[in-house]
Amino acid sequence: MNQAFYNRLGVPVTASNREVIRAVRNKLMPEFRSSRYVRVSRHRLLRNVLDLHDAARKLYIHVTQGNI
């Protein structure tokens, strides 16, 4: 689910972590953006999405260096 969610964010691989977090917050429903009841789940989602973004960055660097 997180891979599909990351793909729907539409952020480029050159985006900073802060830009990715902003994109995630904009995609979440308003009641989940600041609710303390889903805080742990929201933070888990953010960590997973940032891990996917880091993997996409590494793949981008690998490919642009000619290591296909």
N, C-alpha and C. Protein backbone atom coordinates (compact mmCIF):
# COMPACT_ATOMS: atom_id res chain seq x y z
N MET A 1 0.81 -1.19 0.00
CA MET A 1 0.00 0.00 0.00
C MET A 1 0.85 1.25 0.00
N ASN A 2 1.95 1.24 0.73
CA ASN A 2 2.77 2.44 0.82
C ASN A 2 3.46 2.77 -0.50
N GLN A 3 3.84 1.73 -1.28
CA GLN A 3 4.46 1.99 -2.57
C GLN A 3 3.47 2.70 -3.50
N ALA A 4 2.24 2.24 -3.52
CA ALA A 4 1.22 2.89 -4.34
C ALA A 4 0.96 4.30 -3.85
N PHE A 5 0.92 4.49 -2.55
CA PHE A 5 0.70 5.81 -1.97
C PHE A 5 1.84 6.74 -2.35
N TYR A 6 3.07 6.25 -2.28
CA TYR A 6 4.23 7.06 -2.67
C TYR A 6 4.16 7.44 -4.14
N ASN A 7 3.78 6.49 -4.98
CA ASN A 7 3.69 6.78 -6.42
C ASN A 7 2.63 7.84 -6.71
N ARG A 8 1.54 7.85 -5.95
CA ARG A 8 0.49 8.83 -6.17
C ARG A 8 0.85 10.23 -5.68
N LEU A 9 1.90 10.34 -4.89
CA LEU A 9 2.30 11.66 -4.39
C LEU A 9 2.78 12.55 -5.52
N GLY A 10 3.43 11.96 -6.50
CA GLY A 10 3.89 12.72 -7.64
C GLY A 10 5.08 13.62 -7.34
N VAL A 11 5.87 13.28 -6.35
CA VAL A 11 7.05 14.09 -6.04
C VAL A 11 8.23 13.57 -6.84
N PRO A 12 9.07 14.47 -7.35
CA PRO A 12 10.26 14.00 -8.08
C PRO A 12 11.29 13.41 -7.12
N VAL A 13 12.19 12.62 -7.63
CA VAL A 13 13.21 12.02 -6.76
C VAL A 13 14.16 13.06 -6.21
N THR A 14 14.20 14.22 -6.81
CA THR A 14 15.07 15.29 -6.34
C THR A 14 14.44 16.10 -5.21
N ALA A 15 13.21 15.77 -4.85
CA ALA A 15 12.52 16.50 -3.78
C ALA A 15 13.17 16.20 -2.43
N SER A 16 13.15 17.18 -1.57
CA SER A 16 13.70 16.99 -0.23
C SER A 16 12.71 16.20 0.63
N ASN A 17 13.21 15.74 1.77
CA ASN A 17 12.33 15.00 2.69
C ASN A 17 11.19 15.89 3.16
N ARG A 18 11.45 17.16 3.37
CA ARG A 18 10.41 18.08 3.81
C ARG A 18 9.31 18.21 2.75
N GLU A 19 9.69 18.25 1.49
CA GLU A 19 8.69 18.34 0.41
C GLU A 19 7.84 17.06 0.35
N VAL A 20 8.47 15.93 0.60
CA VAL A 20 7.73 14.66 0.61
C VAL A 20 6.74 14.64 1.76
N ILE A 21 7.17 15.09 2.93
CA ILE A 21 6.27 15.12 4.09
C ILE A 21 5.10 16.05 3.83
N ARG A 22 5.36 17.19 3.22
CA ARG A 22 4.26 18.11 2.88
C ARG A 22 3.28 17.47 1.91
N ALA A 23 3.80 16.74 0.93
CA ALA A 23 2.93 16.08 -0.03
C ALA A 23 2.07 15.01 0.66
N VAL A 24 2.66 14.29 1.59
CA VAL A 24 1.90 13.27 2.33
C VAL A 24 0.80 13.94 3.14
N ARG A 25 1.12 15.01 3.85
CA ARG A 25 0.13 15.70 4.66
C ARG A 25 -1.01 16.25 3.81
N ASN A 26 -0.70 16.70 2.61
CA ASN A 26 -1.75 17.21 1.72
C ASN A 26 -2.66 16.10 1.20
N LYS A 27 -2.12 14.88 1.08
CA LYS A 27 -2.93 13.76 0.60
C LYS A 27 -3.81 13.16 1.70
N LEU A 28 -3.41 13.33 2.96
CA LEU A 28 -4.20 12.77 4.06
C LEU A 28 -5.51 13.54 4.23
N MET A 29 -6.51 12.83 4.71
CA MET A 29 -7.77 13.50 5.02
C MET A 29 -7.54 14.46 6.18
N PRO A 30 -8.23 15.60 6.20
CA PRO A 30 -7.97 16.63 7.22
C PRO A 30 -8.06 16.12 8.66
N GLU A 31 -8.97 15.21 8.93
CA GLU A 31 -9.10 14.75 10.31
C GLU A 31 -7.95 13.85 10.75
N PHE A 32 -7.14 13.36 9.80
CA PHE A 32 -6.01 12.51 10.15
C PHE A 32 -4.69 13.29 10.19
N ARG A 33 -4.69 14.53 9.75
CA ARG A 33 -3.45 15.30 9.71
C ARG A 33 -2.90 15.63 11.08
N SER A 34 -3.77 15.87 12.05
CA SER A 34 -3.27 16.27 13.37
C SER A 34 -3.92 15.49 14.51
N SER A 35 -4.67 14.47 14.22
CA SER A 35 -5.33 13.70 15.26
C SER A 35 -4.31 12.91 16.08
N ARG A 36 -4.40 13.03 17.37
CA ARG A 36 -3.48 12.31 18.25
C ARG A 36 -3.79 10.82 18.28
N TYR A 37 -5.00 10.44 17.91
CA TYR A 37 -5.39 9.03 17.96
C TYR A 37 -4.70 8.20 16.87
N VAL A 38 -4.33 8.82 15.79
CA VAL A 38 -3.68 8.09 14.69
C VAL A 38 -2.22 8.53 14.52
N ARG A 39 -1.68 9.15 15.54
CA ARG A 39 -0.32 9.69 15.47
C ARG A 39 0.71 8.61 15.17
N VAL A 40 0.65 7.49 15.84
CA VAL A 40 1.62 6.42 15.63
C VAL A 40 1.52 5.89 14.20
N SER A 41 0.32 5.68 13.73
CA SER A 41 0.13 5.19 12.35
C SER A 41 0.61 6.21 11.33
N ARG A 42 0.33 7.48 11.60
CA ARG A 42 0.75 8.54 10.68
C ARG A 42 2.28 8.61 10.62
N HIS A 43 2.94 8.51 11.76
CA HIS A 43 4.40 8.55 11.78
C HIS A 43 5.00 7.32 11.10
N ARG A 44 4.36 6.17 11.28
CA ARG A 44 4.82 4.95 10.60
C ARG A 44 4.71 5.13 9.09
N LEU A 45 3.60 5.69 8.63
CA LEU A 45 3.41 5.95 7.21
C LEU A 45 4.48 6.90 6.69
N LEU A 46 4.76 7.97 7.44
CA LEU A 46 5.78 8.92 7.01
C LEU A 46 7.15 8.26 6.91
N ARG A 47 7.50 7.45 7.90
CA ARG A 47 8.80 6.77 7.86
C ARG A 47 8.88 5.83 6.66
N ASN A 48 7.81 5.09 6.39
CA ASN A 48 7.80 4.17 5.24
C ASN A 48 7.92 4.92 3.92
N VAL A 49 7.20 6.01 3.80
CA VAL A 49 7.25 6.79 2.56
C VAL A 49 8.64 7.42 2.38
N LEU A 50 9.25 7.90 3.46
CA LEU A 50 10.59 8.46 3.35
C LEU A 50 11.62 7.38 3.00
N ASP A 51 11.42 6.16 3.48
CA ASP A 51 12.30 5.05 3.10
C ASP A 51 12.16 4.75 1.60
N LEU A 52 10.93 4.76 1.10
CA LEU A 52 10.71 4.54 -0.33
C LEU A 52 11.33 5.67 -1.16
N HIS A 53 11.22 6.89 -0.67
CA HIS A 53 11.81 8.03 -1.37
C HIS A 53 13.33 7.90 -1.40
N ASP A 54 13.92 7.47 -0.31
CA ASP A 54 15.37 7.27 -0.27
C ASP A 54 15.79 6.19 -1.25
N ALA A 55 15.02 5.12 -1.33
CA ALA A 55 15.33 4.05 -2.29
C ALA A 55 15.21 4.56 -3.73
N ALA A 56 14.22 5.40 -4.00
CA ALA A 56 14.05 5.97 -5.34
C ALA A 56 15.23 6.89 -5.68
N ARG A 57 15.71 7.64 -4.69
CA ARG A 57 16.89 8.50 -4.91
C ARG A 57 18.11 7.66 -5.26
N LYS A 58 18.32 6.59 -4.50
CA LYS A 58 19.47 5.73 -4.75
C LYS A 58 19.40 5.09 -6.13
N LEU A 59 18.22 4.65 -6.53
CA LEU A 59 18.05 4.08 -7.87
C LEU A 59 18.32 5.13 -8.94
N TYR A 60 17.84 6.34 -8.73
CA TYR A 60 18.06 7.43 -9.68
C TYR A 60 19.55 7.72 -9.84
N ILE A 61 20.27 7.78 -8.74
CA ILE A 61 21.71 8.03 -8.80
C ILE A 61 22.41 6.88 -9.50
N HIS A 62 22.01 5.66 -9.18
CA HIS A 62 22.61 4.47 -9.80
C HIS A 62 22.42 4.50 -11.32
N VAL A 63 21.24 4.84 -11.77
CA VAL A 63 20.93 4.83 -13.20
C VAL A 63 21.61 6.00 -13.91
N THR A 64 21.61 7.18 -13.29
CA THR A 64 22.22 8.34 -13.96
C THR A 64 23.73 8.25 -14.05
N GLN A 65 24.34 7.40 -13.25
CA GLN A 65 25.78 7.20 -13.35
C GLN A 65 26.12 6.17 -14.43
N GLY A 66 25.13 5.64 -15.09
CA GLY A 66 25.36 4.69 -16.17
C GLY A 66 25.44 3.25 -15.71
N ASN A 67 25.03 2.98 -14.50
CA ASN A 67 25.07 1.59 -13.97
C ASN A 67 23.71 0.94 -14.13
N ILE A 68 23.37 0.61 -15.35
CA ILE A 68 22.04 0.03 -15.59
C ILE A 68 22.08 -1.46 -15.41
